[in-house]
Protein backbone atom coordinates (compact mmCIF):
# COMPACT_ATOMS: atom_id res chain seq x y z
CA UNK A 1 77.60 97.58 116.21
CA UNK A 2 77.94 101.31 116.50
CA UNK A 3 77.01 104.22 114.27
CA UNK A 4 80.66 104.46 113.31
CA UNK A 5 80.75 100.76 112.36
CA UNK A 6 77.61 101.33 110.21
CA UNK A 7 78.94 104.42 108.59
CA UNK A 8 82.14 102.36 107.49
CA UNK A 9 80.28 99.47 106.00
CA UNK A 10 80.65 100.83 102.31
CA UNK A 11 84.45 101.51 103.12
CA UNK A 12 84.81 97.83 104.26
CA UNK A 13 83.02 96.57 101.14
CA UNK A 14 85.56 98.52 99.06
CA UNK A 15 88.32 96.78 100.65
CA UNK A 16 86.54 93.32 100.22
CA UNK A 17 86.20 94.02 96.47
CA UNK A 18 90.02 93.89 96.12
CA UNK A 19 90.77 97.53 96.29
CA UNK A 20 93.55 98.96 98.33
CA UNK A 21 91.74 101.27 100.76
CA UNK A 22 93.39 103.86 102.79
CA UNK A 23 91.22 105.41 105.58
CA UNK A 24 92.48 108.81 106.60
CA UNK A 25 90.95 109.63 109.88
CA UNK A 26 91.05 113.22 110.94
CA UNK A 27 90.95 113.75 114.85
CA UNK A 28 91.38 116.19 117.59
CA UNK A 29 92.04 115.93 121.28
CA UNK A 30 88.45 114.90 121.96
CA UNK A 31 88.53 112.05 119.57
CA UNK A 32 91.17 109.72 121.24
CA UNK A 33 88.61 107.12 122.08
CA UNK A 34 87.55 106.93 118.51
CA UNK A 35 91.25 106.43 117.34
CA UNK A 36 91.45 103.49 119.74
CA UNK A 37 88.19 102.03 118.60
CA UNK A 38 89.13 102.12 115.04
CA UNK A 39 92.18 99.86 115.55
CA UNK A 40 89.69 97.04 115.14
CA UNK A 41 89.91 97.79 111.40
CA UNK A 42 93.60 97.50 111.02
CA UNK A 43 93.50 93.98 109.34
CA UNK A 44 90.83 95.36 106.80
CA UNK A 45 91.85 98.80 106.03
CA UNK A 46 95.05 100.95 105.87
CA UNK A 47 94.50 103.36 108.53
CA UNK A 48 96.25 106.76 108.59
CA UNK A 49 95.43 109.23 111.43
CA UNK A 50 95.99 112.99 110.96
CA UNK A 51 95.69 115.55 113.74
CA UNK A 52 93.39 118.64 112.88
CA UNK A 53 94.90 121.85 114.23
CA UNK A 54 91.47 123.45 115.07
CA UNK A 55 92.97 126.71 115.70
CA UNK A 56 93.71 127.01 111.83
CA UNK A 57 90.41 125.62 110.51
CA UNK A 58 88.09 124.15 113.07
CA UNK A 59 85.26 123.22 110.64
CA UNK A 60 84.67 120.10 108.28
CA UNK A 61 86.44 121.93 105.37
CA UNK A 62 89.50 122.17 107.52
CA UNK A 63 89.34 118.57 108.61
CA UNK A 64 89.19 117.57 104.72
CA UNK A 65 92.21 119.93 104.11
CA UNK A 66 94.00 118.09 106.86
CA UNK A 67 93.41 114.74 105.27
CA UNK A 68 94.10 115.57 101.56
CA UNK A 69 97.94 115.29 101.64
CA UNK A 70 97.71 111.61 102.97
CA UNK A 71 95.41 110.63 99.96
CA UNK A 72 96.22 109.27 96.52
CA UNK A 73 94.02 107.98 93.63
CA UNK A 74 90.35 108.65 93.94
CA UNK A 75 89.18 110.00 97.28
CA UNK A 76 85.89 109.55 99.08
CA UNK A 77 84.49 111.88 101.76
CA UNK A 78 82.71 109.51 104.32
CA UNK A 79 81.41 111.17 107.50
CA UNK A 80 81.19 108.94 110.71
CA UNK A 81 77.80 110.15 111.60
CA UNK A 82 75.91 109.44 108.21
CA UNK A 83 74.68 105.94 107.73
CA UNK A 84 73.35 104.64 104.35
CA UNK A 85 70.52 102.22 104.34
CA UNK A 86 68.76 99.99 101.86
CA UNK A 87 69.62 96.92 99.82
CA UNK A 88 72.47 98.40 97.90
CA UNK A 89 74.05 100.30 100.88
CA UNK A 90 77.31 98.25 101.05
CA UNK A 91 78.04 98.82 97.45
CA UNK A 92 77.13 102.37 97.22
CA UNK A 93 80.48 103.87 97.64
CA UNK A 94 81.95 101.50 95.05
CA UNK A 95 79.21 102.66 92.72
CA UNK A 96 80.07 106.30 93.36
CA UNK A 97 83.74 105.68 92.81
CA UNK A 98 83.02 104.12 89.47
CA UNK A 99 81.03 107.27 88.49
CA UNK A 100 84.07 109.36 88.97
CA UNK A 101 85.30 107.82 85.83
CA UNK A 102 82.60 109.58 83.91
CA UNK A 103 82.36 113.10 85.42
CA UNK A 104 85.30 113.27 87.91
CA UNK A 105 82.54 113.27 90.86
CA UNK A 106 80.18 110.77 92.24
CA UNK A 107 77.73 111.15 95.01
CA UNK A 108 75.71 108.67 97.13
CA UNK A 109 72.52 110.51 97.54
CA UNK A 110 69.04 109.80 98.87
CA UNK A 111 65.82 111.53 97.84
CA UNK A 112 64.44 114.14 100.13
CA UNK A 113 61.81 116.85 100.04
CA UNK A 114 61.54 117.84 103.70
CA UNK A 115 62.94 121.58 103.82
CA UNK A 116 63.96 120.98 107.47
CA UNK A 117 66.13 118.04 106.51
CA UNK A 118 67.58 119.69 103.35
CA UNK A 119 68.62 122.70 105.50
CA UNK A 120 70.92 120.60 107.68
CA UNK A 121 72.52 118.50 104.91
CA UNK A 122 74.58 118.85 101.70
CA UNK A 123 71.49 119.57 99.41
CA UNK A 124 71.24 118.50 95.86
CA UNK A 125 69.08 119.09 92.92
CA UNK A 126 69.21 115.74 91.05
CA UNK A 127 67.84 115.26 87.55
CA UNK A 128 67.70 112.32 85.23
CA UNK A 129 69.30 112.92 81.79
CA UNK A 130 69.49 110.15 79.22
CA UNK A 131 68.99 107.45 81.93
CA UNK A 132 71.78 108.86 84.12
CA UNK A 133 71.29 110.77 87.44
CA UNK A 134 73.17 114.11 87.43
CA UNK A 135 73.46 116.86 90.10
CA UNK A 136 72.25 119.95 88.52
CA UNK A 137 72.96 122.23 91.82
CA UNK A 138 74.57 121.62 95.15
CA UNK A 139 75.00 123.55 98.24
CA UNK A 140 75.73 122.82 101.81
CA UNK A 141 73.02 123.46 104.41
CA UNK A 142 71.02 125.90 102.14
CA UNK A 143 69.01 128.63 104.01
CA UNK A 144 66.39 128.20 101.23
CA UNK A 145 66.19 124.60 100.18
CA UNK A 146 63.52 125.24 97.31
CA UNK A 147 64.50 123.32 94.17
CA UNK A 148 66.51 120.77 96.02
CA UNK A 149 65.20 117.17 96.03
CA UNK A 150 68.10 115.07 97.56
CA UNK A 151 71.14 115.07 99.86
CA UNK A 152 74.44 113.41 99.83
CA UNK A 153 75.94 110.94 102.38
CA UNK A 154 79.15 110.18 100.56
CA UNK A 155 81.18 112.06 98.06
CA UNK A 156 83.78 110.49 95.66
CA UNK A 157 86.28 112.56 93.59
CA UNK A 158 88.85 111.60 90.87
CA UNK A 159 92.45 112.17 91.85
CA UNK A 160 92.60 115.32 89.79
CA UNK A 161 89.39 116.72 91.45
CA UNK A 162 90.21 115.85 95.17
CA UNK A 163 91.77 119.12 95.86
CA UNK A 164 88.25 120.59 95.60
CA UNK A 165 86.61 118.37 98.21
CA UNK A 166 86.65 121.24 100.84
CA UNK A 167 84.54 123.26 98.59
CA UNK A 168 81.76 120.63 98.83
CA UNK A 169 81.13 121.86 102.40
CA UNK A 170 82.56 125.27 101.97
CA UNK A 171 80.59 128.56 102.40
CA UNK A 172 80.54 131.17 99.69
CA UNK A 173 82.23 128.98 97.19
CA UNK A 174 80.61 127.15 94.22
CA UNK A 175 80.20 123.50 94.88
CA UNK A 176 82.07 121.20 92.67
CA UNK A 177 79.19 118.82 92.79
CA UNK A 178 77.33 120.54 90.02
CA UNK A 179 77.58 118.10 87.23
CA UNK A 180 78.53 115.09 89.36
CA UNK A 181 76.97 111.66 88.70
CA UNK A 182 74.56 110.45 91.34
CA UNK A 183 73.96 107.09 92.84
CA UNK A 184 70.71 106.85 94.70
CA UNK A 185 70.13 104.72 97.75
CA UNK A 186 66.99 103.96 99.77
CA UNK A 187 67.84 106.30 102.62
CA UNK A 188 70.33 107.81 104.88
CA UNK A 189 70.29 108.96 108.58
CA UNK A 190 72.55 111.69 109.90
CA UNK A 191 73.10 111.01 113.64
CA UNK A 192 74.48 114.38 114.08
CA UNK A 193 71.01 116.02 113.62
CA UNK A 194 67.84 116.07 115.80
CA UNK A 195 66.14 113.44 113.34
CA UNK A 196 69.07 111.17 113.83
């Protein structure tokens, strides 16, 4: 089992729950092996591949913008190098999607207090209010992680909020995750960082 397989476990679980799941994969010329590898999921997921024109927007926000026209209904941002762990990891994305019915946004998050880790991730300040976990503040890769106590691994947005997904990882824009509902998991590993 590869990191990619592990990162897709929660997506496969969505399909097993009976939901019609469309996986929109954004790729470039260096990802053709990944495209071939994902063919193994064709019986489980509706696969759509979108080429990212990196000359226009080479970053993650650009990849999200490339994918959005191919989405419908609630949308989840699942990164191929982030793996959720713990007893509820497989159902975590379904839980986050259900949270979008409350606030329009749901995040799968893990508690973290190490500033070095928070500087490399989508940092969150998660608070408990009336028994619910809510994101008070969010920023991607903060220079100063003081006040943040968690990071997101997957983000779910209601259909009417999905157009704001690029702002989750955007620079110099307010994160739409402030006010989002959070679903905490035991842990996450980002295999695209030195710690991973």
